[in-house]
C-alpha cells in the first residue's frame, strides 16, 4: 500500500505529471534573517558586552581634583547551541500505485530517486519548506525543557516534544527575562479574540507598550514591533473603526506583512500564529514585542542557514536516504532592550 503521495493514486482522471503538482507552501519564504540577526557561533562561544561608564563632569576647578573610576558596565554571555537531526528514508514501493510511479527509473535503478521528477518536483521543495519551518520553530519557540500538556507542560498533546527541545528559543528567553523584570511586560489581561477585537483594546495595548517601554529600547534606532497576525489584524481593525487611518500593509513575503505607524515599523508574523496553534495549543495568540532586529540573535556554526542535506541511494538496502543535521541557538543581546505584550 502506498505511503508516499498516497492520495495521488494512478487513475485516469488524476494528474500524471509531477510537475503539475502545486506545493501548498511554494510561495512561503519567510526569511527569518530579515527579522533577526544571524551570526556565526559555536557552543560555548563568549559574547562580551560593554556599556556606559560612570558619569563624568562634576563641580570643581583648580588643582588636585578627586579622581574617580570609569567602571564601564560589562556583561559576558555564552552561546548555547543545540543539535538537530533529520534522518529520512524512502523505498520506491512506497510510491507504487501513485502518480510518482510515472517518474521512477526503470529496472534495477528503480529505487534511486536522484535525477527524477520525484526529487525535483516533490522532495527538494518539501525539504526546503521543512527547513524553513525548523528554523522558525526553534529560533522562536524552542524550549529545552518542553513537555506536553498531559505531562504538566505547555506543548500540545500529541506533538513530539523533540521537535521543540533542540534549543531555547527567543520567546523562552523573553519570558525568562520578564520573570526577572516584570516591568518589561505589558500584560494582556484577557488574551482572547473577543477581548482583543473589542473597540479600542488593540490600540490601547500598543500605546501602553510604548508607555511602559524603558529607555534601554526607546533610545534605540531601528525599533520594530513584531506581532502575531491575530494582533496585527485587531490593531488594524481598531484603527479603522476609530476612523483614524487605513494602514497600508505591505507583503514582504508569504506570511509576513509590514507597515509604519507613528514612526515605528510593525511586522505581522503569521508564522507565529501557525506555530502557536500547532505547538502551544493556541495559548497566548495575541502577543507582540518591541525591540530591534540586532537584539534578537540566532547563532549557527556557519553564520547562516545552509541546506546541505545528503540525498543518496543505498545499493544494499535499496532504500533512498535523506539526511541533514545542524546546530542552532538564540540569545537576547541586551536583556532589557525589549518590551513584550502577552
C-alpha atoms as a PDB file:
ATOM      1  CA  UNK A   1       0.000   0.000   0.000  1.00  0.00           C
ATOM      2  CA  UNK A   2       1.346   3.406  -0.956  1.00  0.00           C
ATOM      3  CA  UNK A   3       2.609   5.602   1.895  1.00  0.00           C
ATOM      4  CA  UNK A   4       4.169   8.365  -0.239  1.00  0.00           C
ATOM      5  CA  UNK A   5       1.725  10.610  -2.174  1.00  0.00           C
ATOM      6  CA  UNK A   6      -0.919   8.113  -1.117  1.00  0.00           C
ATOM      7  CA  UNK A   7      -3.754  10.486  -2.045  1.00  0.00           C
ATOM      8  CA  UNK A   8      -2.474  10.918  -5.598  1.00  0.00           C
ATOM      9  CA  UNK A   9      -3.108   7.469  -6.986  1.00  0.00           C
ATOM     10  CA  UNK A  10      -2.805   6.453 -10.617  1.00  0.00           C
ATOM     11  CA  UNK A  11      -6.279   6.933 -12.053  1.00  0.00           C
ATOM     12  CA  UNK A  12      -7.344   8.214 -15.489  1.00  0.00           C
ATOM     13  CA  UNK A  13      -8.881  11.370 -14.060  1.00  0.00           C
ATOM     14  CA  UNK A  14      -5.867  12.229 -11.866  1.00  0.00           C
ATOM     15  CA  UNK A  15      -2.636  14.135 -12.519  1.00  0.00           C
ATOM     16  CA  UNK A  16       0.046  12.029 -14.205  1.00  0.00           C
ATOM     17  CA  UNK A  17       2.889  14.573 -14.295  1.00  0.00           C
ATOM     18  CA  UNK A  18       4.583  15.573 -11.025  1.00  0.00           C
ATOM     19  CA  UNK A  19       5.481  18.965 -12.472  1.00  0.00           C
ATOM     20  CA  UNK A  20       1.754  19.779 -12.393  1.00  0.00           C
ATOM     21  CA  UNK A  21       1.616  19.480  -8.613  1.00  0.00           C
ATOM     22  CA  UNK A  22       1.119  22.692  -6.681  1.00  0.00           C
ATOM     23  CA  UNK A  23       3.123  22.810  -3.494  1.00  0.00           C
ATOM     24  CA  UNK A  24       0.897  24.302  -0.781  1.00  0.00           C
ATOM     25  CA  UNK A  25       3.877  26.203   0.605  1.00  0.00           C
ATOM     26  CA  UNK A  26       5.600  27.071  -2.668  1.00  0.00           C
ATOM     27  CA  UNK A  27       5.255  30.808  -2.142  1.00  0.00           C
ATOM     28  CA  UNK A  28       6.226  30.714   1.506  1.00  0.00           C
ATOM     29  CA  UNK A  29       9.748  32.041   2.021  1.00  0.00           C
ATOM     30  CA  UNK A  30       9.729  33.650   5.425  1.00  0.00           C
ATOM     31  CA  UNK A  31      13.290  34.976   5.528  1.00  0.00           C
ATOM     32  CA  UNK A  32      13.928  34.863   9.242  1.00  0.00           C
ATOM     33  CA  UNK A  33      17.310  36.543   8.746  1.00  0.00           C
ATOM     34  CA  UNK A  34      15.474  39.728   7.737  1.00  0.00           C
ATOM     35  CA  UNK A  35      13.959  39.960  11.215  1.00  0.00           C
ATOM     36  CA  UNK A  36      16.678  38.598  13.497  1.00  0.00           C
ATOM     37  CA  UNK A  37      20.451  38.924  13.403  1.00  0.00           C
ATOM     38  CA  UNK A  38      22.016  35.634  12.294  1.00  0.00           C
ATOM     39  CA  UNK A  39      25.610  35.284  13.498  1.00  0.00           C
ATOM     40  CA  UNK A  40      28.407  32.728  13.407  1.00  0.00           C
ATOM     41  CA  UNK A  41      28.617  30.945  16.744  1.00  0.00           C
ATOM     42  CA  UNK A  42      29.766  27.705  18.318  1.00  0.00           C
ATOM     43  CA  UNK A  43      28.505  26.218  21.540  1.00  0.00           C
ATOM     44  CA  UNK A  44      30.194  27.938  24.467  1.00  0.00           C
ATOM     45  CA  UNK A  45      31.498  30.889  22.442  1.00  0.00           C
ATOM     46  CA  UNK A  46      31.617  34.069  24.548  1.00  0.00           C
ATOM     47  CA  UNK A  47      29.789  37.296  23.748  1.00  0.00           C
ATOM     48  CA  UNK A  48      31.113  40.312  25.633  1.00  0.00           C
ATOM     49  CA  UNK A  49      29.030  43.468  26.030  1.00  0.00           C
ATOM     50  CA  UNK A  50      30.342  46.797  27.208  1.00  0.00           C
ATOM     51  CA  UNK A  51      28.153  49.730  28.188  1.00  0.00           C
ATOM     52  CA  UNK A  52      28.423  53.200  29.629  1.00  0.00           C
ATOM     53  CA  UNK A  53      30.923  54.147  32.300  1.00  0.00           C
ATOM     54  CA  UNK A  54      30.315  56.285  35.375  1.00  0.00           C
ATOM     55  CA  UNK A  55      29.112  59.837  34.578  1.00  0.00           C
ATOM     56  CA  UNK A  56      31.827  62.479  34.244  1.00  0.00           C
ATOM     57  CA  UNK A  57      31.843  66.247  34.738  1.00  0.00           C
ATOM     58  CA  UNK A  58      31.456  67.144  38.417  1.00  0.00           C
ATOM     59  CA  UNK A  59      31.565  70.589  40.003  1.00  0.00           C
ATOM     60  CA  UNK A  60      35.038  71.976  40.634  1.00  0.00           C
ATOM     61  CA  UNK A  61      38.148  73.620  39.187  1.00  0.00           C
ATOM     62  CA  UNK A  62      41.807  74.041  40.162  1.00  0.00           C
ATOM     63  CA  UNK A  63      44.458  71.582  41.234  1.00  0.00           C
ATOM     64  CA  UNK A  64      44.355  68.219  42.972  1.00  0.00           C
ATOM     65  CA  UNK A  65      40.947  67.038  41.749  1.00  0.00           C
ATOM     66  CA  UNK A  66      39.401  63.861  43.104  1.00  0.00           C
ATOM     67  CA  UNK A  67      39.862  61.060  40.613  1.00  0.00           C
ATOM     68  CA  UNK A  68      37.076  58.578  40.146  1.00  0.00           C
ATOM     69  CA  UNK A  69      36.750  55.351  38.210  1.00  0.00           C
ATOM     70  CA  UNK A  70      35.422  54.909  34.671  1.00  0.00           C
ATOM     71  CA  UNK A  71      33.949  51.493  35.564  1.00  0.00           C
ATOM     72  CA  UNK A  72      32.043  50.723  32.341  1.00  0.00           C
ATOM     73  CA  UNK A  73      29.139  48.287  32.583  1.00  0.00           C
ATOM     74  CA  UNK A  74      30.058  44.913  31.133  1.00  0.00           C
ATOM     75  CA  UNK A  75      28.399  41.543  30.654  1.00  0.00           C
ATOM     76  CA  UNK A  76      29.692  38.193  29.434  1.00  0.00           C
ATOM     77  CA  UNK A  77      27.279  35.751  27.844  1.00  0.00           C
ATOM     78  CA  UNK A  78      27.909  32.397  26.203  1.00  0.00           C
ATOM     79  CA  UNK A  79      26.213  30.699  23.317  1.00  0.00           C
ATOM     80  CA  UNK A  80      24.132  27.594  23.979  1.00  0.00           C
ATOM     81  CA  UNK A  81      23.631  25.730  20.718  1.00  0.00           C
ATOM     82  CA  UNK A  82      21.552  22.607  20.317  1.00  0.00           C
ATOM     83  CA  UNK A  83      21.862  19.985  17.597  1.00  0.00           C
ATOM     84  CA  UNK A  84      19.036  18.921  15.311  1.00  0.00           C
ATOM     85  CA  UNK A  85      18.942  15.921  13.015  1.00  0.00           C
ATOM     86  CA  UNK A  86      16.661  14.852  10.161  1.00  0.00           C
ATOM     87  CA  UNK A  87      17.171  11.209   9.067  1.00  0.00           C
ATOM     88  CA  UNK A  88      14.636  10.029   6.483  1.00  0.00           C
ATOM     89  CA  UNK A  89      14.318   7.103   4.114  1.00  0.00           C
ATOM     90  CA  UNK A  90      12.063   6.202   1.193  1.00  0.00           C
ATOM     91  CA  UNK A  91      11.527   2.890  -0.571  1.00  0.00           C
ATOM     92  CA  UNK A  92      10.232   3.018  -4.115  1.00  0.00           C
ATOM     93  CA  UNK A  93       7.462   0.593  -3.146  1.00  0.00           C
ATOM     94  CA  UNK A  94       6.014   3.408  -1.011  1.00  0.00           C
ATOM     95  CA  UNK A  95       5.099   5.116  -4.302  1.00  0.00           C
ATOM     96  CA  UNK A  96       3.674   2.202  -6.231  1.00  0.00           C
ATOM     97  CA  UNK A  97       0.197   2.958  -7.448  1.00  0.00           C
ATOM     98  CA  UNK A  98       0.658   6.731  -7.106  1.00  0.00           C
ATOM     99  CA  UNK A  99       1.461   9.293  -9.772  1.00  0.00           C
ATOM    100  CA  UNK A 100       5.070   9.246  -8.551  1.00  0.00           C
ATOM    101  CA  UNK A 101       5.418   5.830 -10.184  1.00  0.00           C
ATOM    102  CA  UNK A 102       5.494   7.551 -13.579  1.00  0.00           C
ATOM    103  CA  UNK A 103       8.661   9.387 -12.546  1.00  0.00           C
ATOM    104  CA  UNK A 104      10.626   6.407 -11.232  1.00  0.00           C
ATOM    105  CA  UNK A 105      13.566   4.947 -13.098  1.00  0.00           C
ATOM    106  CA  UNK A 106      13.243   1.563 -14.777  1.00  0.00           C
ATOM    107  CA  UNK A 107      14.841  -1.737 -13.936  1.00  0.00           C
ATOM    108  CA  UNK A 108      17.411  -2.211 -11.199  1.00  0.00           C
ATOM    109  CA  UNK A 109      17.762   1.537 -10.625  1.00  0.00           C
ATOM    110  CA  UNK A 110      14.088   1.970  -9.786  1.00  0.00           C
ATOM    111  CA  UNK A 111      14.852   2.833  -6.168  1.00  0.00           C
ATOM    112  CA  UNK A 112      17.363   5.579  -6.995  1.00  0.00           C
ATOM    113  CA  UNK A 113      15.418   8.838  -6.927  1.00  0.00           C
ATOM    114  CA  UNK A 114      18.333  11.074  -7.922  1.00  0.00           C
ATOM    115  CA  UNK A 115      17.689  12.805 -11.232  1.00  0.00           C
ATOM    116  CA  UNK A 116      13.959  12.051 -11.185  1.00  0.00           C
ATOM    117  CA  UNK A 117      10.946  14.338 -11.010  1.00  0.00           C
ATOM    118  CA  UNK A 118      10.256  12.903  -7.581  1.00  0.00           C
ATOM    119  CA  UNK A 119      13.360  14.762  -6.395  1.00  0.00           C
ATOM    120  CA  UNK A 120      12.963  17.996  -8.355  1.00  0.00           C
ATOM    121  CA  UNK A 121       9.205  18.421  -8.021  1.00  0.00           C
ATOM    122  CA  UNK A 122       8.460  16.856  -4.641  1.00  0.00           C
ATOM    123  CA  UNK A 123      11.354  16.085  -2.303  1.00  0.00           C
ATOM    124  CA  UNK A 124      13.580  19.154  -2.815  1.00  0.00           C
ATOM    125  CA  UNK A 125      10.725  21.678  -2.344  1.00  0.00           C
ATOM    126  CA  UNK A 126       9.359  19.813   0.677  1.00  0.00           C
ATOM    127  CA  UNK A 127      12.757  19.580   2.394  1.00  0.00           C
ATOM    128  CA  UNK A 128      13.340  23.284   1.782  1.00  0.00           C
ATOM    129  CA  UNK A 129       9.970  24.169   3.339  1.00  0.00           C
ATOM    130  CA  UNK A 130      10.566  21.858   6.293  1.00  0.00           C
ATOM    131  CA  UNK A 131      13.940  23.504   6.913  1.00  0.00           C
ATOM    132  CA  UNK A 132      12.252  26.917   6.953  1.00  0.00           C
ATOM    133  CA  UNK A 133       9.729  25.523   9.443  1.00  0.00           C
ATOM    134  CA  UNK A 134      12.525  24.107  11.605  1.00  0.00           C
ATOM    135  CA  UNK A 135      14.375  27.424  11.781  1.00  0.00           C
ATOM    136  CA  UNK A 136      11.294  29.454  12.729  1.00  0.00           C
ATOM    137  CA  UNK A 137      10.133  26.822  15.214  1.00  0.00           C
ATOM    138  CA  UNK A 138      13.414  26.506  17.120  1.00  0.00           C
ATOM    139  CA  UNK A 139      14.561  30.126  16.834  1.00  0.00           C
ATOM    140  CA  UNK A 140      11.339  31.484  18.331  1.00  0.00           C
ATOM    141  CA  UNK A 141       9.566  28.630  20.130  1.00  0.00           C
ATOM    142  CA  UNK A 142      12.342  26.251  21.152  1.00  0.00           C
ATOM    143  CA  UNK A 143      12.352  25.064  24.763  1.00  0.00           C
ATOM    144  CA  UNK A 144      14.870  22.516  26.023  1.00  0.00           C
ATOM    145  CA  UNK A 145      12.516  21.655  28.893  1.00  0.00           C
ATOM    146  CA  UNK A 146       9.340  21.367  26.837  1.00  0.00           C
ATOM    147  CA  UNK A 147       6.706  18.834  27.853  1.00  0.00           C
ATOM    148  CA  UNK A 148       3.232  18.029  26.617  1.00  0.00           C
ATOM    149  CA  UNK A 149       0.246  19.430  28.475  1.00  0.00           C
ATOM    150  CA  UNK A 150      -0.615  15.945  29.745  1.00  0.00           C
ATOM    151  CA  UNK A 151       2.824  15.800  31.371  1.00  0.00           C
ATOM    152  CA  UNK A 152       2.492  19.198  33.030  1.00  0.00           C
ATOM    153  CA  UNK A 153       3.987  21.273  30.224  1.00  0.00           C
ATOM    154  CA  UNK A 154       2.524  23.619  27.623  1.00  0.00           C
ATOM    155  CA  UNK A 155       3.128  21.744  24.364  1.00  0.00           C
ATOM    156  CA  UNK A 156       0.079  20.463  22.505  1.00  0.00           C
ATOM    157  CA  UNK A 157      -0.701  16.847  23.350  1.00  0.00           C
ATOM    158  CA  UNK A 158       0.341  14.502  20.566  1.00  0.00           C
ATOM    159  CA  UNK A 159       3.181  16.760  19.397  1.00  0.00           C
ATOM    160  CA  UNK A 160       6.637  15.187  19.589  1.00  0.00           C
ATOM    161  CA  UNK A 161       8.498  17.407  22.070  1.00  0.00           C
ATOM    162  CA  UNK A 162      11.792  16.504  20.383  1.00  0.00           C
ATOM    163  CA  UNK A 163      10.699  18.982  17.718  1.00  0.00           C
ATOM    164  CA  UNK A 164      10.913  21.712  20.363  1.00  0.00           C
ATOM    165  CA  UNK A 165      13.732  20.715  22.721  1.00  0.00           C
ATOM    166  CA  UNK A 166      16.640  21.332  20.333  1.00  0.00           C
ATOM    167  CA  UNK A 167      17.467  24.717  21.886  1.00  0.00           C
ATOM    168  CA  UNK A 168      15.858  27.526  23.861  1.00  0.00           C
ATOM    169  CA  UNK A 169      14.159  29.979  21.523  1.00  0.00           C
ATOM    170  CA  UNK A 170      13.675  33.718  21.738  1.00  0.00           C
ATOM    171  CA  UNK A 171      10.209  33.571  23.290  1.00  0.00           C
ATOM    172  CA  UNK A 172      11.511  31.420  26.142  1.00  0.00           C
ATOM    173  CA  UNK A 173      14.299  33.948  26.735  1.00  0.00           C
ATOM    174  CA  UNK A 174      11.777  36.795  26.655  1.00  0.00           C
ATOM    175  CA  UNK A 175       9.560  35.037  29.202  1.00  0.00           C
ATOM    176  CA  UNK A 176      12.596  34.322  31.414  1.00  0.00           C
ATOM    177  CA  UNK A 177      13.678  37.975  31.378  1.00  0.00           C
ATOM    178  CA  UNK A 178      10.143  39.134  32.190  1.00  0.00           C
ATOM    179  CA  UNK A 179      10.192  36.787  35.183  1.00  0.00           C
ATOM    180  CA  UNK A 180      13.248  38.725  36.385  1.00  0.00           C
ATOM    181  CA  UNK A 181      11.890  42.166  35.478  1.00  0.00           C
ATOM    182  CA  UNK A 182       8.114  42.156  35.149  1.00  0.00           C
ATOM    183  CA  UNK A 183       8.147  45.822  34.089  1.00  0.00           C
ATOM    184  CA  UNK A 184       9.198  44.595  30.624  1.00  0.00           C
ATOM    185  CA  UNK A 185       5.793  43.012  30.156  1.00  0.00           C
ATOM    186  CA  UNK A 186       2.658  44.881  29.181  1.00  0.00           C
ATOM    187  CA  UNK A 187       0.048  42.414  30.357  1.00  0.00           C
ATOM    188  CA  UNK A 188      -2.890  41.359  28.211  1.00  0.00           C
ATOM    189  CA  UNK A 189      -5.446  40.588  30.902  1.00  0.00           C
ATOM    190  CA  UNK A 190      -7.713  38.517  28.662  1.00  0.00           C
ATOM    191  CA  UNK A 191      -5.812  37.037  25.724  1.00  0.00           C
ATOM    192  CA  UNK A 192      -8.835  36.124  23.597  1.00  0.00           C
ATOM    193  CA  UNK A 193     -10.299  37.184  20.274  1.00  0.00           C
ATOM    194  CA  UNK A 194     -13.386  38.674  21.900  1.00  0.00           C
ATOM    195  CA  UNK A 195     -11.343  40.825  24.267  1.00  0.00           C
ATOM    196  CA  UNK A 196      -8.665  41.944  21.805  1.00  0.00           C
ATOM    197  CA  UNK A 197     -11.082  42.831  18.999  1.00  0.00           C
ATOM    198  CA  UNK A 198     -13.257  44.983  21.251  1.00  0.00           C
ATOM    199  CA  UNK A 199     -13.097  48.575  20.053  1.00  0.00           C
ATOM    200  CA  UNK A 200     -10.104  50.378  21.456  1.00  0.00           C
ATOM    201  CA  UNK A 201      -8.439  47.315  23.001  1.00  0.00           C
ATOM    202  CA  UNK A 202      -5.656  46.711  20.484  1.00  0.00           C
ATOM    203  CA  UNK A 203      -4.617  50.336  20.040  1.00  0.00           C
ATOM    204  CA  UNK A 204      -4.720  50.871  23.800  1.00  0.00           C
ATOM    205  CA  UNK A 205      -2.421  47.893  24.247  1.00  0.00           C
ATOM    206  CA  UNK A 206       0.120  49.142  21.703  1.00  0.00           C
ATOM    207  CA  UNK A 207       0.028  52.614  23.246  1.00  0.00           C
ATOM    208  CA  UNK A 208       0.595  51.105  26.674  1.00  0.00           C
ATOM    209  CA  UNK A 209       3.547  49.077  25.361  1.00  0.00           C
ATOM    210  CA  UNK A 210       5.218  52.281  24.221  1.00  0.00           C
ATOM    211  CA  UNK A 211       4.446  53.967  27.537  1.00  0.00           C
ATOM    212  CA  UNK A 212       5.811  51.009  29.524  1.00  0.00           C
ATOM    213  CA  UNK A 213       8.961  50.585  27.418  1.00  0.00           C
ATOM    214  CA  UNK A 214      12.162  51.596  29.164  1.00  0.00           C
ATOM    215  CA  UNK A 215      14.952  53.804  27.813  1.00  0.00           C
ATOM    216  CA  UNK A 216      17.010  50.693  27.025  1.00  0.00           C
ATOM    217  CA  UNK A 217      14.773  50.182  23.981  1.00  0.00           C
ATOM    218  CA  UNK A 218      13.214  53.611  23.385  1.00  0.00           C
ATOM    219  CA  UNK A 219      16.612  55.247  22.831  1.00  0.00           C
ATOM    220  CA  UNK A 220      17.478  52.732  20.092  1.00  0.00           C
ATOM    221  CA  UNK A 221      17.174  53.415  16.398  1.00  0.00           C
ATOM    222  CA  UNK A 222      15.553  50.791  14.226  1.00  0.00           C
ATOM    223  CA  UNK A 223      12.798  49.932  16.703  1.00  0.00           C
ATOM    224  CA  UNK A 224      10.288  47.382  15.444  1.00  0.00           C
ATOM    225  CA  UNK A 225       7.112  45.939  16.904  1.00  0.00           C
ATOM    226  CA  UNK A 226       6.788  42.286  15.920  1.00  0.00           C
ATOM    227  CA  UNK A 227       3.338  40.806  16.474  1.00  0.00           C
ATOM    228  CA  UNK A 228       1.201  37.813  15.668  1.00  0.00           C
ATOM    229  CA  UNK A 229      -1.103  38.148  12.695  1.00  0.00           C
ATOM    230  CA  UNK A 230      -4.033  37.981  15.103  1.00  0.00           C
ATOM    231  CA  UNK A 231      -2.691  41.014  16.950  1.00  0.00           C
ATOM    232  CA  UNK A 232      -1.961  42.873  13.708  1.00  0.00           C
ATOM    233  CA  UNK A 233      -5.486  42.252  12.429  1.00  0.00           C
ATOM    234  CA  UNK A 234      -7.022  43.500  15.684  1.00  0.00           C
ATOM    235  CA  UNK A 235      -4.760  46.579  15.639  1.00  0.00           C
ATOM    236  CA  UNK A 236      -5.575  47.373  12.012  1.00  0.00           C
ATOM    237  CA  UNK A 237      -9.336  46.932  12.513  1.00  0.00           C
ATOM    238  CA  UNK A 238      -9.215  49.070  15.628  1.00  0.00           C
ATOM    239  CA  UNK A 239      -7.593  51.955  13.799  1.00  0.00           C
ATOM    240  CA  UNK A 240     -10.141  51.753  11.002  1.00  0.00           C
ATOM    241  CA  UNK A 241     -13.098  51.550  13.391  1.00  0.00           C
ATOM    242  CA  UNK A 242     -11.906  54.704  15.121  1.00  0.00           C
ATOM    243  CA  UNK A 243     -11.671  56.448  11.718  1.00  0.00           C
ATOM    244  CA  UNK A 244      -8.012  57.078  12.423  1.00  0.00           C
ATOM    245  CA  UNK A 245      -6.387  55.604   9.366  1.00  0.00           C
ATOM    246  CA  UNK A 246      -6.201  52.730   6.965  1.00  0.00           C
ATOM    247  CA  UNK A 247      -2.680  51.364   7.314  1.00  0.00           C
ATOM    248  CA  UNK A 248      -1.014  50.142   4.107  1.00  0.00           C
ATOM    249  CA  UNK A 249       0.306  46.692   4.999  1.00  0.00           C
ATOM    250  CA  UNK A 250       2.996  45.617   2.553  1.00  0.00           C
ATOM    251  CA  UNK A 251       3.518  41.920   1.935  1.00  0.00           C
ATOM    252  CA  UNK A 252       7.250  41.335   2.211  1.00  0.00           C
ATOM    253  CA  UNK A 253       6.914  37.617   1.598  1.00  0.00           C
ATOM    254  CA  UNK A 254       4.270  34.960   2.134  1.00  0.00           C
ATOM    255  CA  UNK A 255       3.188  35.178   5.775  1.00  0.00           C
ATOM    256  CA  UNK A 256       4.916  38.455   6.655  1.00  0.00           C
ATOM    257  CA  UNK A 257       3.495  41.955   6.218  1.00  0.00           C
ATOM    258  CA  UNK A 258       4.814  45.294   7.427  1.00  0.00           C
ATOM    259  CA  UNK A 259       3.530  48.810   7.934  1.00  0.00           C
ATOM    260  CA  UNK A 260       4.605  52.027   9.617  1.00  0.00           C
ATOM    261  CA  UNK A 261       2.573  53.944  12.186  1.00  0.00           C
ATOM    262  CA  UNK A 262       3.724  56.985  14.155  1.00  0.00           C
ATOM    263  CA  UNK A 263       7.309  56.419  13.029  1.00  0.00           C
ATOM    264  CA  UNK A 264       7.557  52.789  14.158  1.00  0.00           C
ATOM    265  CA  UNK A 265       7.679  49.760  11.864  1.00  0.00           C
ATOM    266  CA  UNK A 266       5.180  46.995  12.603  1.00  0.00           C
ATOM    267  CA  UNK A 267       5.810  43.439  11.397  1.00  0.00           C
ATOM    268  CA  UNK A 268       2.946  40.932  11.362  1.00  0.00           C
ATOM    269  CA  UNK A 269       4.321  37.393  11.548  1.00  0.00           C
ATOM    270  CA  UNK A 270       1.650  34.882  10.539  1.00  0.00           C
ATOM    271  CA  UNK A 271       4.187  32.101  11.056  1.00  0.00           C
ATOM    272  CA  UNK A 272       3.940  32.721  14.805  1.00  0.00           C
ATOM    273  CA  UNK A 273       0.173  32.136  14.715  1.00  0.00           C
ATOM    274  CA  UNK A 274       0.722  28.825  12.926  1.00  0.00           C
ATOM    275  CA  UNK A 275       3.348  27.658  15.410  1.00  0.00           C
ATOM    276  CA  UNK A 276       1.330  28.810  18.437  1.00  0.00           C
ATOM    277  CA  UNK A 277      -1.731  26.908  17.200  1.00  0.00           C
ATOM    278  CA  UNK A 278       0.235  23.748  16.357  1.00  0.00           C
ATOM    279  CA  UNK A 279       2.770  23.516  19.152  1.00  0.00           C
ATOM    280  CA  UNK A 280       1.436  25.657  22.021  1.00  0.00           C
ATOM    281  CA  UNK A 281      -2.201  24.591  21.900  1.00  0.00           C
ATOM    282  CA  UNK A 282      -3.212  28.103  20.833  1.00  0.00           C
ATOM    283  CA  UNK A 283      -2.013  29.711  24.090  1.00  0.00           C
ATOM    284  CA  UNK A 284      -1.394  33.485  24.100  1.00  0.00           C
ATOM    285  CA  UNK A 285      -2.441  34.056  20.468  1.00  0.00           C
ATOM    286  CA  UNK A 286      -2.183  37.814  20.923  1.00  0.00           C
ATOM    287  CA  UNK A 287       1.407  38.786  21.595  1.00  0.00           C
ATOM    288  CA  UNK A 288       3.901  41.392  20.476  1.00  0.00           C
ATOM    289  CA  UNK A 289       7.421  42.553  21.207  1.00  0.00           C
ATOM    290  CA  UNK A 290       9.010  45.980  20.783  1.00  0.00           C
ATOM    291  CA  UNK A 291      12.740  45.605  20.159  1.00  0.00           C
ATOM    292  CA  UNK A 292      15.343  45.824  17.392  1.00  0.00           C
ATOM    293  CA  UNK A 293      16.475  43.219  14.913  1.00  0.00           C
ATOM    294  CA  UNK A 294      20.024  43.429  16.277  1.00  0.00           C
ATOM    295  CA  UNK A 295      18.831  42.474  19.746  1.00  0.00           C
ATOM    296  CA  UNK A 296      17.448  39.150  18.518  1.00  0.00           C
ATOM    297  CA  UNK A 297      20.383  36.855  17.837  1.00  0.00           C
ATOM    298  CA  UNK A 298      20.264  33.436  16.207  1.00  0.00           C
ATOM    299  CA  UNK A 299      23.570  31.596  16.077  1.00  0.00           C
ATOM    300  CA  UNK A 300      24.736  28.788  13.815  1.00  0.00           C
ATOM    301  CA  UNK A 301      28.274  27.462  13.209  1.00  0.00           C
ATOM    302  CA  UNK A 302      28.192  28.772   9.630  1.00  0.00           C
ATOM    303  CA  UNK A 303      26.605  32.125  10.454  1.00  0.00           C
ATOM    304  CA  UNK A 304      23.810  31.302   8.034  1.00  0.00           C
ATOM    305  CA  UNK A 305      21.199  28.643   7.399  1.00  0.00           C
ATOM    306  CA  UNK A 306      22.668  26.140   4.963  1.00  0.00           C
ATOM    307  CA  UNK A 307      20.630  23.452   3.259  1.00  0.00           C
ATOM    308  CA  UNK A 308      23.337  20.833   2.731  1.00  0.00           C
ATOM    309  CA  UNK A 309      21.249  17.696   3.083  1.00  0.00           C
ATOM    310  CA  UNK A 310      22.590  14.381   1.790  1.00  0.00           C
ATOM    311  CA  UNK A 311      20.433  12.557  -0.741  1.00  0.00           C
ATOM    312  CA  UNK A 312      21.695   9.100  -1.666  1.00  0.00           C
ATOM    313  CA  UNK A 313      20.643   5.641  -2.795  1.00  0.00           C
ATOM    314  CA  UNK A 314      21.957   2.642  -0.881  1.00  0.00           C
ATOM    315  CA  UNK A 315      22.583  -0.364  -3.105  1.00  0.00           C
ATOM    316  CA  UNK A 316      22.498  -2.801  -0.182  1.00  0.00           C
ATOM    317  CA  UNK A 317      19.178  -1.882   1.439  1.00  0.00           C
ATOM    318  CA  UNK A 318      17.742  -0.477  -1.835  1.00  0.00           C
ATOM    319  CA  UNK A 319      16.371   2.451   0.178  1.00  0.00           C
ATOM    320  CA  UNK A 320      16.791   6.106  -0.722  1.00  0.00           C
ATOM    321  CA  UNK A 321      18.125   8.096   2.220  1.00  0.00           C
ATOM    322  CA  UNK A 322      17.855  11.757   3.165  1.00  0.00           C
ATOM    323  CA  UNK A 323      19.983  13.123   5.978  1.00  0.00           C
ATOM    324  CA  UNK A 324      20.514  16.578   7.390  1.00  0.00           C
ATOM    325  CA  UNK A 325      21.877  17.948  10.651  1.00  0.00           C
ATOM    326  CA  UNK A 326      22.887  21.259  12.134  1.00  0.00           C
ATOM    327  CA  UNK A 327      23.206  23.372  15.261  1.00  0.00           C
ATOM    328  CA  UNK A 328      21.250  26.423  16.330  1.00  0.00           C
ATOM    329  CA  UNK A 329      20.924  28.668  19.365  1.00  0.00           C
ATOM    330  CA  UNK A 330      19.461  32.040  20.334  1.00  0.00           C
ATOM    331  CA  UNK A 331      20.377  35.000  22.505  1.00  0.00           C
ATOM    332  CA  UNK A 332      18.935  38.334  23.563  1.00  0.00           C
ATOM    333  CA  UNK A 333      21.897  40.648  23.119  1.00  0.00           C
ATOM    334  CA  UNK A 334      20.595  43.119  25.717  1.00  0.00           C
ATOM    335  CA  UNK A 335      18.157  41.618  28.164  1.00  0.00           C
ATOM    336  CA  UNK A 336      16.467  44.930  28.929  1.00  0.00           C
ATOM    337  CA  UNK A 337      16.171  46.149  25.341  1.00  0.00           C
ATOM    338  CA  UNK A 338      12.613  44.986  24.713  1.00  0.00           C
ATOM    339  CA  UNK A 339       9.030  45.440  25.841  1.00  0.00           C
ATOM    340  CA  UNK A 340       6.723  42.458  25.396  1.00  0.00           C
ATOM    341  CA  UNK A 341       2.945  42.205  25.438  1.00  0.00           C
ATOM    342  CA  UNK A 342       1.157  38.944  26.105  1.00  0.00           C
END
